[in-house]
Amino acid sequence: MPDELPEDSAGLKLKDLGVMITRPFHQAQNLQQQVESAGGRAMMYPLLEILPAEMTPQLVYELEQLDRYQIIIFVSPNAVEYGLKLINDRGGLKQQRIAAVGKGTAEKFKTMTGREVDIMPEHQFDSDGLLAMPALRQVKDQHILIMRGQSGRELLATTLQQRGAKVNYAAVYQRQCPSLDAKKLNSELQQGKIGIISLTSAEAIENLFKQANREYLVQVPFIVINARLRDLLTEHGVKSEILVSHEASDSGILKMLKQWHGRN
C-alpha cells in the first residue's frame, strides 16, 4: 500500500472529508482546528487518556539521581510535559544532553524550556532514526535515562545497552483506555461518514479494534505516523489504504491528508 505522495500540498482542501481524530482529548484540539479550517469534518474519538504516573519508589529514585546521567531521552511530547514537571519540582535539568525521538517532542521541549534539544533524528522520526544518530552510536559507559510512559518499546534501551550504555527508565505518565460511544462510531463507519482514521500509537489501535466493529474498520483508510503502526493495522486485517505520515506532528498529518484527498 503506497505511503509516498507528492510534496506540494499548497491550496489543497479536505472538501468535507470526515477525519476521525483519536489523540487524547487534551492534545486533539489543534488537529481538529486544522482539519476544520481546511474544509474537513473533525470527528473526535479519543482512544487514549494520559494521566500522571504513580510516584513509585523507582521513579522517585531516578528523579533524585538525575545528575548521574549524561543523556536524557524523551520519547514523546507527553514524556516532556509530565517529565519536566517532575524534574522542575526537583531543581530542573543540569548539563545533560537532551534527545528527542521526533519534531513534536523537540518542539514541546523548546516551548517548556526555551532550549533546543541536542539530539534528534534527521529524517526517520522514531526510535530507529534516533539510534542512527552519531551521538548515540558511541555511548559506552554513559548513563542514559529514557523518559516515557509506563510501557513502550524496548528497542531504545536494548540497543543502547548493547552499545555499552547504562540505561534506566523513568515512567512519568500512564495511559488509560476511555470508553467510546461504540454505537455512534459503528453507525458513522457503516454510513461512510468517516472518510479516514488518524492513529498515532499502538495502544490506540488496540483500543479501537476492541471497541468498534472490525467488519467496518477494515474497509476504512487510515493515516498513521510510522511503518510499525501500518504493519500493526495490516495484522488486524485492514484492507484499505494506509498512509504513513512523514511527520508525527499535526501539520505533517494534515499535509498528507490534503495530498491524499486531492488525488482521490
Protein backbone atom coordinates (compact mmCIF):
# COMPACT_ATOMS: atom_id res chain seq x y z
CA MET A 1 0.00 0.00 0.00
CA PRO A 2 1.55 3.33 -1.02
CA ASP A 3 2.59 5.92 1.52
CA GLU A 4 4.51 8.27 -0.80
CA LEU A 5 2.62 11.30 -2.09
CA PRO A 6 3.54 14.49 -3.95
CA GLU A 7 5.27 17.07 -1.77
CA ASP A 8 3.25 20.09 -2.85
CA SER A 9 0.03 20.40 -0.85
CA ALA A 10 -0.43 24.16 -1.29
CA GLY A 11 -4.04 25.10 -1.89
CA LEU A 12 -5.40 21.61 -1.35
CA LYS A 13 -8.51 21.32 0.82
CA LEU A 14 -10.21 18.45 2.60
CA LYS A 15 -13.61 19.12 0.94
CA ASP A 16 -15.94 17.74 3.62
CA LEU A 17 -13.69 14.74 4.36
CA GLY A 18 -14.65 13.11 7.65
CA VAL A 19 -11.44 12.68 9.66
CA MET A 20 -11.64 10.57 12.81
CA ILE A 21 -9.16 12.01 15.33
CA THR A 22 -8.08 9.64 18.08
CA ARG A 23 -5.44 11.60 20.01
CA PRO A 24 -6.08 12.11 23.75
CA PHE A 25 -8.70 14.83 24.16
CA HIS A 26 -6.37 17.49 25.57
CA GLN A 27 -4.00 17.02 22.61
CA ALA A 28 -6.57 16.79 19.82
CA GLN A 29 -7.87 20.36 19.54
CA ASN A 30 -5.07 21.62 17.29
CA LEU A 31 -5.57 18.92 14.65
CA GLN A 32 -9.33 19.38 14.96
CA GLN A 33 -9.00 23.08 14.17
CA GLN A 34 -6.63 22.44 11.27
CA VAL A 35 -8.94 19.82 9.71
CA GLU A 36 -11.96 22.09 10.02
CA SER A 37 -10.07 25.12 8.68
CA ALA A 38 -9.18 23.03 5.63
CA GLY A 39 -12.84 22.23 4.99
CA GLY A 40 -12.93 18.78 6.59
CA ARG A 41 -15.14 17.39 9.34
CA ALA A 42 -13.23 16.52 12.51
CA MET A 43 -14.80 13.55 14.31
CA MET A 44 -13.44 13.28 17.84
CA TYR A 45 -13.00 9.79 19.29
CA PRO A 46 -10.13 9.86 21.84
CA LEU A 47 -8.69 6.37 22.18
CA LEU A 48 -6.25 7.17 24.97
CA GLU A 49 -6.30 9.17 28.17
CA ILE A 50 -2.97 10.39 29.52
CA LEU A 51 -2.53 10.70 33.28
CA PRO A 52 0.42 11.36 35.60
CA ALA A 53 2.27 8.20 36.60
CA GLU A 54 2.15 6.80 40.09
CA MET A 55 5.11 8.07 42.11
CA THR A 56 6.77 4.72 42.66
CA PRO A 57 10.00 4.43 44.69
CA GLN A 58 11.86 3.69 41.43
CA LEU A 59 10.58 6.87 39.77
CA VAL A 60 11.42 8.98 42.81
CA TYR A 61 14.92 7.48 42.89
CA GLU A 62 15.59 8.22 39.20
CA LEU A 63 14.37 11.80 39.55
CA GLU A 64 16.61 12.36 42.56
CA GLN A 65 19.62 10.89 40.75
CA LEU A 66 19.41 12.91 37.53
CA ASP A 67 22.92 14.30 37.97
CA ARG A 68 24.44 10.92 37.20
CA TYR A 69 23.00 10.87 33.66
CA GLN A 70 24.86 12.22 30.65
CA ILE A 71 21.90 11.89 28.27
CA ILE A 72 18.14 12.09 28.86
CA ILE A 73 15.88 10.80 26.07
CA PHE A 74 12.27 12.00 25.80
CA VAL A 75 10.22 9.63 23.67
CA SER A 76 7.10 11.78 23.19
CA PRO A 77 5.55 15.19 23.93
CA ASN A 78 3.78 13.55 26.88
CA ALA A 79 7.14 12.45 28.25
CA VAL A 80 8.33 16.05 28.02
CA GLU A 81 5.21 17.52 29.61
CA TYR A 82 4.96 15.13 32.54
CA GLY A 83 8.69 14.52 32.90
CA LEU A 84 9.72 18.17 33.02
CA LYS A 85 7.10 18.96 35.64
CA LEU A 86 8.63 16.34 37.91
CA ILE A 87 12.19 17.39 37.08
CA ASN A 88 11.47 21.08 37.68
CA ASP A 89 9.98 20.26 41.08
CA ARG A 90 13.40 18.88 41.97
CA GLY A 91 15.61 21.70 40.75
CA GLY A 92 15.44 21.31 36.97
CA LEU A 93 17.83 19.97 34.36
CA LYS A 94 21.56 20.48 34.69
CA GLN A 95 24.12 19.80 31.96
CA GLN A 96 22.58 16.65 30.50
CA ARG A 97 22.38 16.30 26.74
CA ILE A 98 18.74 16.03 25.66
CA ALA A 99 17.49 13.70 22.94
CA ALA A 100 14.03 13.67 21.34
CA VAL A 101 12.52 10.97 19.15
CA GLY A 102 10.69 13.41 16.88
CA LYS A 103 9.92 17.01 15.96
CA GLY A 104 6.81 17.28 18.13
CA THR A 105 8.78 16.13 21.16
CA ALA A 106 11.59 18.58 20.39
CA GLU A 107 9.12 21.44 19.91
CA LYS A 108 7.40 20.64 23.21
CA PHE A 109 10.78 20.65 24.97
CA LYS A 110 11.70 24.02 23.47
CA THR A 111 8.32 25.50 24.40
CA MET A 112 8.71 24.42 28.03
CA THR A 113 12.40 25.25 28.46
CA GLY A 114 13.38 27.72 25.74
CA ARG A 115 16.17 25.32 24.82
CA GLU A 116 16.77 23.25 21.71
CA VAL A 117 17.31 19.53 22.12
CA ASP A 118 20.83 18.27 21.44
CA ILE A 119 19.99 15.06 19.56
CA MET A 120 17.10 14.39 17.17
CA PRO A 121 16.68 12.22 14.07
CA GLU A 122 17.26 13.98 10.78
CA HIS A 123 14.72 12.09 8.67
CA GLN A 124 13.21 9.00 10.32
CA PHE A 125 11.38 10.28 13.38
CA ASP A 126 11.23 7.17 15.54
CA SER A 127 13.47 5.05 17.76
CA ASP A 128 15.38 3.63 14.80
CA GLY A 129 16.03 7.12 13.47
CA LEU A 130 17.27 8.33 16.84
CA LEU A 131 19.56 5.33 17.27
CA ALA A 132 21.13 6.11 13.89
CA MET A 133 22.36 9.49 15.12
CA PRO A 134 26.16 9.68 15.65
CA ALA A 135 25.73 10.96 19.22
CA LEU A 136 24.08 7.68 20.23
CA ARG A 137 26.46 5.33 18.43
CA GLN A 138 29.42 5.75 20.82
CA VAL A 139 27.84 5.59 24.27
CA LYS A 140 29.99 3.04 26.13
CA ASP A 141 29.82 3.56 29.92
CA GLN A 142 27.49 6.54 29.57
CA HIS A 143 24.42 6.74 31.82
CA ILE A 144 21.22 7.32 29.83
CA LEU A 145 17.71 7.91 31.20
CA ILE A 146 14.66 7.29 29.00
CA MET A 147 11.60 9.34 29.94
CA ARG A 148 8.45 7.55 28.75
CA GLY A 149 5.05 6.17 29.74
CA GLN A 150 4.55 3.10 31.88
CA SER A 151 5.03 0.83 28.88
CA GLY A 152 6.57 1.06 25.45
CA ARG A 153 9.05 -0.43 23.01
CA GLU A 154 12.29 -1.78 24.42
CA LEU A 155 14.33 -1.08 21.27
CA LEU A 156 15.99 2.09 22.53
CA ALA A 157 17.15 0.64 25.83
CA THR A 158 18.18 -2.73 24.38
CA THR A 159 20.24 -1.22 21.57
CA LEU A 160 21.93 1.37 23.79
CA GLN A 161 22.79 -1.35 26.31
CA GLN A 162 24.29 -3.41 23.51
CA ARG A 163 26.44 -0.39 22.71
CA GLY A 164 27.73 -0.34 26.26
CA ALA A 165 25.50 2.31 27.87
CA LYS A 166 23.92 2.01 31.30
CA VAL A 167 20.21 2.66 30.68
CA ASN A 168 17.26 3.22 33.01
CA TYR A 169 13.64 4.26 32.58
CA ALA A 170 11.60 6.98 34.25
CA ALA A 171 7.90 6.16 33.68
CA VAL A 172 6.38 9.62 34.07
CA TYR A 173 2.88 9.10 32.69
CA GLN A 174 0.34 6.34 32.19
CA ARG A 175 -2.22 5.58 29.53
CA GLN A 176 -5.83 4.54 30.04
CA CYS A 177 -8.41 3.43 27.53
CA PRO A 178 -11.52 5.64 27.60
CA SER A 179 -14.85 4.16 26.61
CA LEU A 180 -16.14 5.10 23.18
CA ASP A 181 -19.72 5.62 22.07
CA ALA A 182 -19.41 2.40 20.08
CA LYS A 183 -22.98 2.55 18.75
CA LYS A 184 -22.44 6.03 17.30
CA LEU A 185 -18.99 5.13 15.93
CA ASN A 186 -20.18 1.96 14.23
CA SER A 187 -23.14 3.81 12.72
CA GLU A 188 -20.85 6.51 11.28
CA LEU A 189 -18.45 3.87 9.94
CA GLN A 190 -21.30 1.91 8.34
CA GLN A 191 -22.78 5.03 6.72
CA GLY A 192 -19.41 6.09 5.32
CA LYS A 193 -19.31 9.35 7.28
CA ILE A 194 -15.77 8.62 8.44
CA GLY A 195 -13.51 9.01 5.42
CA ILE A 196 -10.22 8.26 7.16
CA ILE A 197 -8.98 7.43 10.65
CA SER A 198 -5.89 9.06 12.18
CA LEU A 199 -3.92 6.92 14.63
CA THR A 200 -0.70 7.78 16.45
CA SER A 201 0.01 4.84 18.78
CA ALA A 202 -0.19 1.08 19.02
CA GLU A 203 -2.36 1.37 22.14
CA ALA A 204 -4.89 3.43 20.21
CA ILE A 205 -5.06 0.77 17.50
CA GLU A 206 -5.69 -1.98 20.04
CA ASN A 207 -8.35 0.09 21.83
CA LEU A 208 -10.10 0.85 18.55
CA PHE A 209 -10.32 -2.78 17.46
CA LYS A 210 -11.59 -3.79 20.89
CA GLN A 211 -14.46 -1.31 20.83
CA ALA A 212 -15.53 -0.90 17.19
CA ASN A 213 -16.90 -3.31 14.60
CA ARG A 214 -13.97 -4.97 12.81
CA GLU A 215 -16.04 -5.54 9.66
CA TYR A 216 -16.41 -1.79 9.19
CA LEU A 217 -12.93 -0.83 10.38
CA VAL A 218 -11.00 -2.91 7.87
CA GLN A 219 -12.70 -1.09 4.98
CA VAL A 220 -11.74 2.45 6.09
CA PRO A 221 -8.49 4.20 5.06
CA PHE A 222 -6.06 5.07 7.86
CA ILE A 223 -3.26 7.56 8.38
CA VAL A 224 -0.53 6.65 10.88
CA ILE A 225 2.84 8.12 11.88
CA ASN A 226 5.24 5.24 11.25
CA ALA A 227 5.61 1.95 9.40
CA ARG A 228 5.28 -0.05 12.62
CA LEU A 229 1.69 1.17 13.07
CA ARG A 230 0.95 0.46 9.41
CA ASP A 231 2.14 -3.11 9.89
CA LEU A 232 0.01 -3.48 13.02
CA LEU A 233 -3.09 -2.38 11.12
CA THR A 234 -2.27 -4.87 8.38
CA GLU A 235 -2.04 -7.60 11.02
CA HIS A 236 -5.53 -6.58 12.14
CA GLY A 237 -6.79 -7.24 8.62
CA VAL A 238 -7.16 -3.69 7.28
CA LYS A 239 -7.80 -3.97 3.55
CA SER A 240 -7.97 -0.30 2.62
CA GLU A 241 -5.19 2.23 2.05
CA ILE A 242 -2.87 3.01 4.94
CA LEU A 243 -0.98 6.30 4.70
CA VAL A 244 2.23 6.85 6.65
CA SER A 245 2.83 10.49 7.51
CA HIS A 246 6.45 11.59 7.26
CA GLU A 247 5.98 13.55 10.49
CA ALA A 248 4.03 12.79 13.67
CA SER A 249 3.08 16.47 14.04
CA ASP A 250 -0.44 17.75 13.38
CA SER A 251 0.85 19.83 10.46
CA GLY A 252 2.55 16.77 8.96
CA ILE A 253 -0.61 14.69 9.26
CA LEU A 254 -2.72 17.49 7.74
CA LYS A 255 -0.32 17.91 4.82
CA MET A 256 -0.55 14.24 3.91
CA LEU A 257 -4.34 14.25 4.34
CA LYS A 258 -4.58 17.13 1.85
CA GLN A 259 -2.31 15.40 -0.64
CA TRP A 260 -4.19 12.12 -0.38
CA HIS A 261 -7.63 13.70 -0.58
CA GLY A 262 -6.54 15.84 -3.53
CA ARG A 263 -5.69 12.80 -5.64
CA ASN A 264 -8.92 10.91 -4.81
